[in-house]
Amino acid sequence: MNFESLSDAIRKARFRTADLIRHTPLEYARFLSQQYGCEIYLKLENFQVTGSFKIRGAANFVLSLAEEGNIGSVIAASSGNHGVALAHTLDHLKASGRICLPENVSPSKLAVLRSYNVEILFHGTDVGETEAFSRDLAEKEGGTIVPPYNHPAIVAGQGTIGCELTEGLKNIDAVFVPVGGGGLISGIAAWMKTRASATQIVACQPENSAVMYHSIKAGKIVDIASLPTWADGTAGGIEADAITFPIVQECVDDFVLVSEEDIRAAILYMIEHHQMMVEGAAALSLAAFLKTADQYRRKTVVLIISGTRLTTEALRKLML
């Protein structure tokens, strides 16, 4: 993929989605900075309108369809942040769509989705089964699948975070980014590498589900099982044709894998020192930084805090 053209798509996405997404705070982390002898900023996507960065990609994708006069009926399989992002976008546009969920979706996630005027369908007890069902539905009925990461419009939408970073700070030495399928880090990396090429892009993954890391190491997308993780928002495999894989190959400078205890400690750190509830995936960047902090003394570092959706059930387990 041509990074200049992707950078241009990110700039267009910034204007396209301006009325629908929030320019989130880039907050100076005073306690963390003093503790580790560097300048640390938190990019607070947990303050995004739907509670996570996912709205940036979903909004750009659907608004691009609307510009082409081809919005029709859109479909997504997601019980988490991607589904909420699509529901919010459709609500804003007064457009129709369907969210496909596994039958065992958590009641709290279902309650959020039901607050929107969107059709909800249930199928299977595994997200893979649900995704296959949504694709079959789109083929039979002519709907458009809104992918969580594997599309240029999704990557460009997520990349608008990069625009806000370069506007808010000069001379960023490193950006730590949670990674699942790679849409978020691909967008941020494409922007930063064409605007601030010296900035290190650090991919953060749980040891229990580090498919992107193992794929980059193997030089191809690999199919490996994921274990349960606090960072369930980044867990799972990567599509065989993922456009994010070559971007990560070229633009990501380092990977940091963290343990489940590292993630748990990072969530609790955010609660104790920043009075913020963040989900496990959002804590990956902090967990990865804490593991490598000695490398960043006297440097300027940004941690992407990607979302806030931590259930009360998860919070109870954290406190045990």
C-alpha atoms as a PDB file:
ATOM      1  CA  MET A   1       0.000   0.000   0.000  1.00  0.00           C
ATOM      2  CA  ASN A   2       1.215   3.496  -0.859  1.00  0.00           C
ATOM      3  CA  PHE A   3       1.628   5.328   2.445  1.00  0.00           C
ATOM      4  CA  GLU A   4       1.330   8.775   0.895  1.00  0.00           C
ATOM      5  CA  SER A   5      -2.078   7.852  -0.539  1.00  0.00           C
ATOM      6  CA  LEU A   6      -3.125   6.368   2.799  1.00  0.00           C
ATOM      7  CA  SER A   7      -1.957   9.523   4.531  1.00  0.00           C
ATOM      8  CA  ASP A   8      -4.119  11.529   2.118  1.00  0.00           C
ATOM      9  CA  ALA A   9      -7.081   9.239   2.887  1.00  0.00           C
ATOM     10  CA  ILE A  10      -6.525   9.868   6.608  1.00  0.00           C
ATOM     11  CA  ARG A  11      -6.617  13.622   6.047  1.00  0.00           C
ATOM     12  CA  LYS A  12      -9.911  13.275   4.143  1.00  0.00           C
ATOM     13  CA  ALA A  13     -11.306  11.017   6.867  1.00  0.00           C
ATOM     14  CA  ARG A  14     -10.514  13.716   9.426  1.00  0.00           C
ATOM     15  CA  PHE A  15     -12.843  16.200   7.683  1.00  0.00           C
ATOM     16  CA  ARG A  16     -15.436  13.566   6.750  1.00  0.00           C
ATOM     17  CA  THR A  17     -15.934  12.384  10.325  1.00  0.00           C
ATOM     18  CA  ALA A  18     -15.475  15.713  12.131  1.00  0.00           C
ATOM     19  CA  ASP A  19     -19.141  16.040  13.128  1.00  0.00           C
ATOM     20  CA  LEU A  20     -19.373  12.489  14.440  1.00  0.00           C
ATOM     21  CA  ILE A  21     -16.205  11.827  16.429  1.00  0.00           C
ATOM     22  CA  ARG A  22     -14.565  13.603  19.334  1.00  0.00           C
ATOM     23  CA  HIS A  23     -11.075  15.109  19.265  1.00  0.00           C
ATOM     24  CA  THR A  24      -9.985  13.267  22.395  1.00  0.00           C
ATOM     25  CA  PRO A  25      -7.682  14.677  25.090  1.00  0.00           C
ATOM     26  CA  LEU A  26      -3.926  14.214  24.957  1.00  0.00           C
ATOM     27  CA  GLU A  27      -3.331  14.329  28.690  1.00  0.00           C
ATOM     28  CA  TYR A  28       0.028  14.800  30.374  1.00  0.00           C
ATOM     29  CA  ALA A  29       0.606  11.936  32.833  1.00  0.00           C
ATOM     30  CA  ARG A  30       2.433  13.839  35.569  1.00  0.00           C
ATOM     31  CA  PHE A  31       2.810  11.045  38.127  1.00  0.00           C
ATOM     32  CA  LEU A  32       3.911   8.496  35.513  1.00  0.00           C
ATOM     33  CA  SER A  33       6.341  10.977  33.938  1.00  0.00           C
ATOM     34  CA  GLN A  34       7.971  11.851  37.252  1.00  0.00           C
ATOM     35  CA  GLN A  35       8.171   8.192  38.239  1.00  0.00           C
ATOM     36  CA  TYR A  36      10.029   7.158  35.061  1.00  0.00           C
ATOM     37  CA  GLY A  37      11.963  10.299  34.126  1.00  0.00           C
ATOM     38  CA  CYS A  38      10.302  11.042  30.805  1.00  0.00           C
ATOM     39  CA  GLU A  39       7.409  12.992  29.316  1.00  0.00           C
ATOM     40  CA  ILE A  40       4.390  10.713  28.982  1.00  0.00           C
ATOM     41  CA  TYR A  41       1.051  11.622  27.414  1.00  0.00           C
ATOM     42  CA  LEU A  42      -2.130   9.566  27.360  1.00  0.00           C
ATOM     43  CA  LYS A  43      -4.272   9.703  24.200  1.00  0.00           C
ATOM     44  CA  LEU A  44      -7.646   9.138  25.818  1.00  0.00           C
ATOM     45  CA  GLU A  45      -9.814   7.306  23.308  1.00  0.00           C
ATOM     46  CA  ASN A  46     -11.746   6.012  26.321  1.00  0.00           C
ATOM     47  CA  PHE A  47     -13.330   9.502  26.193  1.00  0.00           C
ATOM     48  CA  GLN A  48     -14.451   8.962  22.606  1.00  0.00           C
ATOM     49  CA  VAL A  49     -18.201   9.307  21.965  1.00  0.00           C
ATOM     50  CA  THR A  50     -18.777   5.543  22.000  1.00  0.00           C
ATOM     51  CA  GLY A  51     -16.087   4.777  24.560  1.00  0.00           C
ATOM     52  CA  SER A  52     -13.431   3.600  22.116  1.00  0.00           C
ATOM     53  CA  PHE A  53     -11.448   4.481  18.980  1.00  0.00           C
ATOM     54  CA  LYS A  54     -13.594   2.133  16.859  1.00  0.00           C
ATOM     55  CA  ILE A  55     -16.046   4.914  15.945  1.00  0.00           C
ATOM     56  CA  ARG A  56     -13.323   6.563  13.842  1.00  0.00           C
ATOM     57  CA  GLY A  57     -13.102   3.657  11.403  1.00  0.00           C
ATOM     58  CA  ALA A  58     -16.784   2.708  11.363  1.00  0.00           C
ATOM     59  CA  ALA A  59     -17.856   6.312  10.786  1.00  0.00           C
ATOM     60  CA  ASN A  60     -15.378   6.830   7.957  1.00  0.00           C
ATOM     61  CA  PHE A  61     -16.449   3.583   6.260  1.00  0.00           C
ATOM     62  CA  VAL A  62     -20.195   4.306   6.417  1.00  0.00           C
ATOM     63  CA  LEU A  63     -19.865   7.999   5.576  1.00  0.00           C
ATOM     64  CA  SER A  64     -17.762   7.036   2.535  1.00  0.00           C
ATOM     65  CA  LEU A  65     -20.625   4.792   1.398  1.00  0.00           C
ATOM     66  CA  ALA A  66     -23.081   7.637   1.951  1.00  0.00           C
ATOM     67  CA  GLU A  67     -20.960   9.991  -0.185  1.00  0.00           C
ATOM     68  CA  GLU A  68     -21.168   7.436  -2.998  1.00  0.00           C
ATOM     69  CA  GLY A  69     -24.943   7.168  -2.554  1.00  0.00           C
ATOM     70  CA  ASN A  70     -24.527   3.483  -1.821  1.00  0.00           C
ATOM     71  CA  ILE A  71     -25.139   3.124   1.907  1.00  0.00           C
ATOM     72  CA  GLY A  72     -27.920   0.531   1.550  1.00  0.00           C
ATOM     73  CA  SER A  73     -28.080  -1.887   4.464  1.00  0.00           C
ATOM     74  CA  VAL A  74     -24.886  -2.471   6.408  1.00  0.00           C
ATOM     75  CA  ILE A  75     -24.031  -5.448   8.597  1.00  0.00           C
ATOM     76  CA  ALA A  76     -21.391  -6.123  11.241  1.00  0.00           C
ATOM     77  CA  ALA A  77     -20.601  -9.018  13.537  1.00  0.00           C
ATOM     78  CA  SER A  78     -19.473  -7.672  16.882  1.00  0.00           C
ATOM     79  CA  SER A  79     -20.555  -7.752  20.497  1.00  0.00           C
ATOM     80  CA  GLY A  80     -18.067  -5.086  21.494  1.00  0.00           C
ATOM     81  CA  ASN A  81     -16.738  -1.682  20.532  1.00  0.00           C
ATOM     82  CA  HIS A  82     -17.042  -2.161  16.755  1.00  0.00           C
ATOM     83  CA  GLY A  83     -20.738  -2.995  17.007  1.00  0.00           C
ATOM     84  CA  VAL A  84     -21.450   0.011  19.218  1.00  0.00           C
ATOM     85  CA  ALA A  85     -19.479   2.243  16.843  1.00  0.00           C
ATOM     86  CA  LEU A  86     -21.532   1.098  13.856  1.00  0.00           C
ATOM     87  CA  ALA A  87     -24.811   1.458  15.765  1.00  0.00           C
ATOM     88  CA  HIS A  88     -23.891   5.020  16.768  1.00  0.00           C
ATOM     89  CA  THR A  89     -22.935   5.944  13.204  1.00  0.00           C
ATOM     90  CA  LEU A  90     -26.188   4.555  11.785  1.00  0.00           C
ATOM     91  CA  ASP A  91     -28.172   6.380  14.453  1.00  0.00           C
ATOM     92  CA  HIS A  92     -26.453   9.636  13.492  1.00  0.00           C
ATOM     93  CA  LEU A  93     -27.296   9.116   9.808  1.00  0.00           C
ATOM     94  CA  LYS A  94     -30.829   7.809  10.466  1.00  0.00           C
ATOM     95  CA  ALA A  95     -29.780   4.780   8.405  1.00  0.00           C
ATOM     96  CA  SER A  96     -30.617   1.090   8.827  1.00  0.00           C
ATOM     97  CA  GLY A  97     -28.287  -1.743   9.633  1.00  0.00           C
ATOM     98  CA  ARG A  98     -27.881  -4.997  11.489  1.00  0.00           C
ATOM     99  CA  ILE A  99     -25.540  -6.132  14.231  1.00  0.00           C
ATOM    100  CA  CYS A 100     -24.956  -9.885  14.469  1.00  0.00           C
ATOM    101  CA  LEU A 101     -24.151 -11.184  17.944  1.00  0.00           C
ATOM    102  CA  PRO A 102     -23.223 -14.546  19.467  1.00  0.00           C
ATOM    103  CA  GLU A 103     -26.035 -16.004  21.548  1.00  0.00           C
ATOM    104  CA  ASN A 104     -23.908 -15.837  24.706  1.00  0.00           C
ATOM    105  CA  VAL A 105     -23.178 -12.098  24.434  1.00  0.00           C
ATOM    106  CA  SER A 106     -22.821 -10.430  27.819  1.00  0.00           C
ATOM    107  CA  PRO A 107     -25.991  -8.690  29.087  1.00  0.00           C
ATOM    108  CA  SER A 108     -24.133  -5.407  29.607  1.00  0.00           C
ATOM    109  CA  LYS A 109     -22.927  -5.271  25.977  1.00  0.00           C
ATOM    110  CA  LEU A 110     -26.363  -6.238  24.702  1.00  0.00           C
ATOM    111  CA  ALA A 111     -27.968  -3.470  26.769  1.00  0.00           C
ATOM    112  CA  VAL A 112     -25.711  -0.850  25.158  1.00  0.00           C
ATOM    113  CA  LEU A 113     -26.542  -2.042  21.631  1.00  0.00           C
ATOM    114  CA  ARG A 114     -30.268  -2.155  22.400  1.00  0.00           C
ATOM    115  CA  SER A 115     -30.159   1.515  23.324  1.00  0.00           C
ATOM    116  CA  TYR A 116     -29.736   2.209  19.582  1.00  0.00           C
ATOM    117  CA  ASN A 117     -32.353   1.818  16.866  1.00  0.00           C
ATOM    118  CA  VAL A 118     -30.528  -1.019  15.101  1.00  0.00           C
ATOM    119  CA  GLU A 119     -31.673  -4.542  14.251  1.00  0.00           C
ATOM    120  CA  ILE A 120     -29.950  -7.216  16.333  1.00  0.00           C
ATOM    121  CA  LEU A 121     -29.575 -10.824  15.172  1.00  0.00           C
ATOM    122  CA  PHE A 122     -28.196 -13.742  17.169  1.00  0.00           C
ATOM    123  CA  HIS A 123     -26.247 -16.684  15.811  1.00  0.00           C
ATOM    124  CA  GLY A 124     -23.773 -19.178  17.276  1.00  0.00           C
ATOM    125  CA  THR A 125     -21.809 -19.124  20.494  1.00  0.00           C
ATOM    126  CA  ASP A 126     -18.453 -18.253  18.939  1.00  0.00           C
ATOM    127  CA  VAL A 127     -17.566 -14.957  17.231  1.00  0.00           C
ATOM    128  CA  GLY A 128     -16.214 -16.890  14.243  1.00  0.00           C
ATOM    129  CA  GLU A 129     -19.623 -18.502  13.710  1.00  0.00           C
ATOM    130  CA  THR A 130     -21.271 -15.109  14.050  1.00  0.00           C
ATOM    131  CA  GLU A 131     -18.949 -13.536  11.486  1.00  0.00           C
ATOM    132  CA  ALA A 132     -19.599 -16.360   9.004  1.00  0.00           C
ATOM    133  CA  PHE A 133     -23.341 -15.881   9.509  1.00  0.00           C
ATOM    134  CA  SER A 134     -23.047 -12.127   8.839  1.00  0.00           C
ATOM    135  CA  ARG A 135     -21.115 -12.747   5.600  1.00  0.00           C
ATOM    136  CA  ASP A 136     -23.723 -15.260   4.393  1.00  0.00           C
ATOM    137  CA  LEU A 137     -26.455 -12.754   5.226  1.00  0.00           C
ATOM    138  CA  ALA A 138     -24.720 -10.007   3.265  1.00  0.00           C
ATOM    139  CA  GLU A 139     -24.297 -12.271   0.216  1.00  0.00           C
ATOM    140  CA  LYS A 140     -27.914 -13.435   0.262  1.00  0.00           C
ATOM    141  CA  GLU A 141     -29.506 -10.044   0.862  1.00  0.00           C
ATOM    142  CA  GLY A 142     -27.033  -7.686  -0.791  1.00  0.00           C
ATOM    143  CA  GLY A 143     -25.884  -5.911   2.360  1.00  0.00           C
ATOM    144  CA  THR A 144     -22.445  -4.425   2.975  1.00  0.00           C
ATOM    145  CA  ILE A 145     -20.182  -5.866   5.662  1.00  0.00           C
ATOM    146  CA  VAL A 146     -18.500  -3.247   7.827  1.00  0.00           C
ATOM    147  CA  PRO A 147     -15.197  -4.921   8.788  1.00  0.00           C
ATOM    148  CA  PRO A 148     -13.534  -4.182  12.121  1.00  0.00           C
ATOM    149  CA  TYR A 149     -10.099  -3.471  10.596  1.00  0.00           C
ATOM    150  CA  ASN A 150      -9.518  -5.008   7.152  1.00  0.00           C
ATOM    151  CA  HIS A 151     -10.447  -2.143   4.810  1.00  0.00           C
ATOM    152  CA  PRO A 152      -8.655   1.068   3.714  1.00  0.00           C
ATOM    153  CA  ALA A 153     -11.530   3.260   4.961  1.00  0.00           C
ATOM    154  CA  ILE A 154     -11.356   1.661   8.406  1.00  0.00           C
ATOM    155  CA  VAL A 155      -7.577   2.095   8.595  1.00  0.00           C
ATOM    156  CA  ALA A 156      -7.857   5.708   7.405  1.00  0.00           C
ATOM    157  CA  GLY A 157     -10.491   6.453  10.032  1.00  0.00           C
ATOM    158  CA  GLN A 158      -8.347   5.053  12.835  1.00  0.00           C
ATOM    159  CA  GLY A 159      -5.404   7.014  11.453  1.00  0.00           C
ATOM    160  CA  THR A 160      -7.113  10.297  12.356  1.00  0.00           C
ATOM    161  CA  ILE A 161      -5.663   9.746  15.819  1.00  0.00           C
ATOM    162  CA  GLY A 162      -2.267  10.354  14.239  1.00  0.00           C
ATOM    163  CA  CYS A 163      -3.440  13.745  12.969  1.00  0.00           C
ATOM    164  CA  GLU A 164      -4.402  14.746  16.496  1.00  0.00           C
ATOM    165  CA  LEU A 165      -1.064  13.551  17.874  1.00  0.00           C
ATOM    166  CA  THR A 166       1.066  15.589  15.466  1.00  0.00           C
ATOM    167  CA  GLU A 167      -1.121  18.647  16.031  1.00  0.00           C
ATOM    168  CA  GLY A 168      -0.883  18.307  19.800  1.00  0.00           C
ATOM    169  CA  LEU A 169       2.801  17.464  20.251  1.00  0.00           C
ATOM    170  CA  LYS A 170       6.099  18.032  18.519  1.00  0.00           C
ATOM    171  CA  ASN A 171       9.008  15.594  18.543  1.00  0.00           C
ATOM    172  CA  ILE A 172       7.217  12.466  19.763  1.00  0.00           C
ATOM    173  CA  ASP A 173       9.841   9.775  20.355  1.00  0.00           C
ATOM    174  CA  ALA A 174       7.494   6.789  20.650  1.00  0.00           C
ATOM    175  CA  VAL A 175       3.832   5.864  20.392  1.00  0.00           C
ATOM    176  CA  PHE A 176       2.619   2.690  22.139  1.00  0.00           C
ATOM    177  CA  VAL A 177      -0.429   1.187  20.421  1.00  0.00           C
ATOM    178  CA  PRO A 178      -2.625  -1.821  21.363  1.00  0.00           C
ATOM    179  CA  VAL A 179      -2.798  -4.342  18.511  1.00  0.00           C
ATOM    180  CA  GLY A 180      -5.344  -6.946  17.462  1.00  0.00           C
ATOM    181  CA  GLY A 181      -6.076  -7.086  13.746  1.00  0.00           C
ATOM    182  CA  GLY A 182      -3.884  -4.037  13.213  1.00  0.00           C
ATOM    183  CA  GLY A 183      -6.302  -1.362  11.991  1.00  0.00           C
ATOM    184  CA  LEU A 184      -5.461   1.132  14.721  1.00  0.00           C
ATOM    185  CA  ILE A 185      -1.681   0.800  14.571  1.00  0.00           C
ATOM    186  CA  SER A 186      -1.691   0.743  10.742  1.00  0.00           C
ATOM    187  CA  GLY A 187      -3.529   4.063  10.555  1.00  0.00           C
ATOM    188  CA  ILE A 188      -1.423   5.754  13.225  1.00  0.00           C
ATOM    189  CA  ALA A 189       1.837   4.360  11.783  1.00  0.00           C
ATOM    190  CA  ALA A 190       1.007   5.412   8.218  1.00  0.00           C
ATOM    191  CA  TRP A 191       0.365   8.970   9.367  1.00  0.00           C
ATOM    192  CA  MET A 192       3.342   9.231  11.708  1.00  0.00           C
ATOM    193  CA  LYS A 193       5.840   7.724   9.272  1.00  0.00           C
ATOM    194  CA  THR A 194       4.897  10.265   6.595  1.00  0.00           C
ATOM    195  CA  ARG A 195       4.846  13.191   9.040  1.00  0.00           C
ATOM    196  CA  ALA A 196       7.276  12.315  11.832  1.00  0.00           C
ATOM    197  CA  SER A 197       9.439   9.499  10.516  1.00  0.00           C
ATOM    198  CA  ALA A 198      11.716   9.410  13.559  1.00  0.00           C
ATOM    199  CA  THR A 199       8.853   8.455  15.866  1.00  0.00           C
ATOM    200  CA  GLN A 200       9.032   4.843  17.021  1.00  0.00           C
ATOM    201  CA  ILE A 201       5.794   2.876  16.648  1.00  0.00           C
ATOM    202  CA  VAL A 202       5.530   0.209  19.364  1.00  0.00           C
ATOM    203  CA  ALA A 203       2.972  -2.598  19.038  1.00  0.00           C
ATOM    204  CA  CYS A 204       1.532  -3.884  22.320  1.00  0.00           C
ATOM    205  CA  GLN A 205      -0.031  -7.341  22.592  1.00  0.00           C
ATOM    206  CA  PRO A 206      -0.949  -9.856  25.298  1.00  0.00           C
ATOM    207  CA  GLU A 207       1.248 -12.958  25.459  1.00  0.00           C
ATOM    208  CA  ASN A 208      -1.974 -15.010  25.434  1.00  0.00           C
ATOM    209  CA  SER A 209      -3.062 -13.671  22.038  1.00  0.00           C
ATOM    210  CA  ALA A 210      -0.129 -12.287  20.049  1.00  0.00           C
ATOM    211  CA  VAL A 211      -1.131 -13.409  16.563  1.00  0.00           C
ATOM    212  CA  MET A 212       0.240 -10.294  14.840  1.00  0.00           C
ATOM    213  CA  TYR A 213       3.597 -10.630  16.604  1.00  0.00           C
ATOM    214  CA  HIS A 214       3.971 -14.299  15.648  1.00  0.00           C
ATOM    215  CA  SER A 215       2.847 -13.537  12.085  1.00  0.00           C
ATOM    216  CA  ILE A 216       5.429 -10.778  11.663  1.00  0.00           C
ATOM    217  CA  LYS A 217       8.070 -13.076  13.114  1.00  0.00           C
ATOM    218  CA  ALA A 218       7.094 -15.824  10.638  1.00  0.00           C
ATOM    219  CA  GLY A 219       6.889 -13.425   7.689  1.00  0.00           C
ATOM    220  CA  LYS A 220       3.321 -14.521   6.945  1.00  0.00           C
ATOM    221  CA  ILE A 221      -0.071 -14.549   8.647  1.00  0.00           C
ATOM    222  CA  VAL A 222      -0.225 -17.578  10.937  1.00  0.00           C
ATOM    223  CA  ASP A 223      -3.210 -19.335  12.449  1.00  0.00           C
ATOM    224  CA  ILE A 224      -2.568 -19.950  16.135  1.00  0.00           C
ATOM    225  CA  ALA A 225      -4.920 -20.434  19.047  1.00  0.00           C
ATOM    226  CA  SER A 226      -5.465 -17.614  21.520  1.00  0.00           C
ATOM    227  CA  LEU A 227      -5.794 -18.150  25.250  1.00  0.00           C
ATOM    228  CA  PRO A 228      -8.181 -16.132  27.442  1.00  0.00           C
ATOM    229  CA  THR A 229      -6.900 -12.639  28.133  1.00  0.00           C
ATOM    230  CA  TRP A 230      -7.912  -9.482  29.964  1.00  0.00           C
ATOM    231  CA  ALA A 231      -7.292  -7.763  26.611  1.00  0.00           C
ATOM    232  CA  ASP A 232     -10.178  -9.535  24.881  1.00  0.00           C
ATOM    233  CA  GLY A 233     -10.689  -6.535  22.581  1.00  0.00           C
ATOM    234  CA  THR A 234      -7.434  -7.389  20.781  1.00  0.00           C
ATOM    235  CA  ALA A 235      -7.746 -11.186  20.937  1.00  0.00           C
ATOM    236  CA  GLY A 236      -8.197 -13.499  17.954  1.00  0.00           C
ATOM    237  CA  GLY A 237      -6.780 -14.175  14.535  1.00  0.00           C
ATOM    238  CA  ILE A 238      -5.987 -12.082  11.462  1.00  0.00           C
ATOM    239  CA  GLU A 239      -7.748 -12.449   8.117  1.00  0.00           C
ATOM    240  CA  ALA A 240      -5.641 -14.104   5.421  1.00  0.00           C
ATOM    241  CA  ASP A 241      -5.893 -11.059   3.135  1.00  0.00           C
ATOM    242  CA  ALA A 242      -5.458  -8.440   5.847  1.00  0.00           C
ATOM    243  CA  ILE A 243      -4.202  -5.153   4.381  1.00  0.00           C
ATOM    244  CA  THR A 244      -2.874  -4.285   7.827  1.00  0.00           C
ATOM    245  CA  PHE A 245      -0.209  -7.010   7.802  1.00  0.00           C
ATOM    246  CA  PRO A 246       2.163  -5.407   5.249  1.00  0.00           C
ATOM    247  CA  ILE A 247       1.701  -2.001   6.899  1.00  0.00           C
ATOM    248  CA  VAL A 248       2.697  -3.424  10.277  1.00  0.00           C
ATOM    249  CA  GLN A 249       5.620  -5.222   8.630  1.00  0.00           C
ATOM    250  CA  GLU A 250       6.964  -1.970   7.203  1.00  0.00           C
ATOM    251  CA  CYS A 251       6.025   0.646   9.783  1.00  0.00           C
ATOM    252  CA  VAL A 252       6.111  -0.922  13.247  1.00  0.00           C
ATOM    253  CA  ASP A 253       9.478  -0.612  14.963  1.00  0.00           C
ATOM    254  CA  ASP A 254       9.019  -2.897  17.950  1.00  0.00           C
ATOM    255  CA  PHE A 255       6.644  -5.343  19.662  1.00  0.00           C
ATOM    256  CA  VAL A 256       6.181  -5.695  23.410  1.00  0.00           C
ATOM    257  CA  LEU A 257       4.271  -8.700  24.742  1.00  0.00           C
ATOM    258  CA  VAL A 258       2.793  -8.491  28.226  1.00  0.00           C
ATOM    259  CA  SER A 259       1.489 -11.044  30.702  1.00  0.00           C
ATOM    260  CA  GLU A 260      -2.003 -11.203  32.133  1.00  0.00           C
ATOM    261  CA  GLU A 261      -0.663  -9.939  35.453  1.00  0.00           C
ATOM    262  CA  ASP A 262       0.964  -6.998  33.610  1.00  0.00           C
ATOM    263  CA  ILE A 263      -2.408  -6.093  32.065  1.00  0.00           C
ATOM    264  CA  ARG A 264      -4.254  -6.432  35.364  1.00  0.00           C
ATOM    265  CA  ALA A 265      -1.689  -4.203  37.094  1.00  0.00           C
ATOM    266  CA  ALA A 266      -1.991  -1.573  34.333  1.00  0.00           C
ATOM    267  CA  ILE A 267      -5.794  -1.441  34.638  1.00  0.00           C
ATOM    268  CA  LEU A 268      -5.491  -0.967  38.396  1.00  0.00           C
ATOM    269  CA  TYR A 269      -2.756   1.676  37.877  1.00  0.00           C
ATOM    270  CA  MET A 270      -5.158   3.697  35.698  1.00  0.00           C
ATOM    271  CA  ILE A 271      -7.872   3.458  38.354  1.00  0.00           C
ATOM    272  CA  GLU A 272      -5.568   4.391  41.226  1.00  0.00           C
ATOM    273  CA  HIS A 273      -3.454   7.128  39.632  1.00  0.00           C
ATOM    274  CA  HIS A 274      -5.740   8.523  36.919  1.00  0.00           C
ATOM    275  CA  GLN A 275      -9.189   7.671  38.331  1.00  0.00           C
ATOM    276  CA  MET A 276     -10.126   6.121  34.971  1.00  0.00           C
ATOM    277  CA  MET A 277     -11.822   2.849  34.136  1.00  0.00           C
ATOM    278  CA  VAL A 278     -10.207   1.319  31.048  1.00  0.00           C
ATOM    279  CA  GLU A 279     -10.696  -2.046  29.385  1.00  0.00           C
ATOM    280  CA  GLY A 280      -7.948  -4.647  29.211  1.00  0.00           C
ATOM    281  CA  ALA A 281      -7.026  -3.879  25.603  1.00  0.00           C
ATOM    282  CA  ALA A 282      -6.668  -0.175  26.461  1.00  0.00           C
ATOM    283  CA  ALA A 283      -4.255  -1.014  29.280  1.00  0.00           C
ATOM    284  CA  LEU A 284      -1.870  -2.803  26.905  1.00  0.00           C
ATOM    285  CA  SER A 285       0.015   0.368  26.020  1.00  0.00           C
ATOM    286  CA  LEU A 286       0.620   1.239  29.671  1.00  0.00           C
ATOM    287  CA  ALA A 287       1.557  -2.357  30.531  1.00  0.00           C
ATOM    288  CA  ALA A 288       4.030  -2.447  27.636  1.00  0.00           C
ATOM    289  CA  PHE A 289       5.545   0.899  28.607  1.00  0.00           C
ATOM    290  CA  LEU A 290       5.977  -0.150  32.244  1.00  0.00           C
ATOM    291  CA  LYS A 291       7.828  -3.255  31.037  1.00  0.00           C
ATOM    292  CA  THR A 292      10.255  -1.201  28.917  1.00  0.00           C
ATOM    293  CA  ALA A 293      10.325   2.155  30.745  1.00  0.00           C
ATOM    294  CA  ASP A 294      14.111   2.271  31.176  1.00  0.00           C
ATOM    295  CA  GLN A 295      14.502   2.610  27.383  1.00  0.00           C
ATOM    296  CA  TYR A 296      12.533   5.877  27.312  1.00  0.00           C
ATOM    297  CA  ARG A 297      14.160   8.082  29.954  1.00  0.00           C
ATOM    298  CA  ARG A 298      14.219  11.759  28.921  1.00  0.00           C
ATOM    299  CA  LYS A 299      12.018  10.956  25.909  1.00  0.00           C
ATOM    300  CA  THR A 300       8.478  11.978  24.922  1.00  0.00           C
ATOM    301  CA  VAL A 301       6.107   9.031  24.807  1.00  0.00           C
ATOM    302  CA  VAL A 302       2.409   8.705  23.895  1.00  0.00           C
ATOM    303  CA  LEU A 303       0.309   5.807  25.169  1.00  0.00           C
ATOM    304  CA  ILE A 304      -2.888   5.103  23.220  1.00  0.00           C
ATOM    305  CA  ILE A 305      -5.640   4.336  25.740  1.00  0.00           C
ATOM    306  CA  SER A 306      -8.010   2.720  23.278  1.00  0.00           C
ATOM    307  CA  GLY A 307     -11.271   2.186  25.175  1.00  0.00           C
ATOM    308  CA  THR A 308     -13.211   2.193  28.395  1.00  0.00           C
ATOM    309  CA  ARG A 309     -15.613  -0.752  28.225  1.00  0.00           C
ATOM    310  CA  LEU A 310     -14.759  -2.642  31.437  1.00  0.00           C
ATOM    311  CA  THR A 311     -17.713  -4.633  32.790  1.00  0.00           C
ATOM    312  CA  THR A 312     -18.588  -4.789  36.474  1.00  0.00           C
ATOM    313  CA  GLU A 313     -17.975  -8.551  36.315  1.00  0.00           C
ATOM    314  CA  ALA A 314     -14.417  -7.931  35.084  1.00  0.00           C
ATOM    315  CA  LEU A 315     -13.868  -5.235  37.700  1.00  0.00           C
ATOM    316  CA  ARG A 316     -14.899  -7.620  40.493  1.00  0.00           C
ATOM    317  CA  LYS A 317     -12.397 -10.208  39.241  1.00  0.00           C
ATOM    318  CA  LEU A 318      -9.667  -7.565  39.078  1.00  0.00           C
ATOM    319  CA  MET A 319     -10.182  -6.705  42.726  1.00  0.00           C
ATOM    320  CA  LEU A 320      -9.865 -10.282  43.961  1.00  0.00           C
END
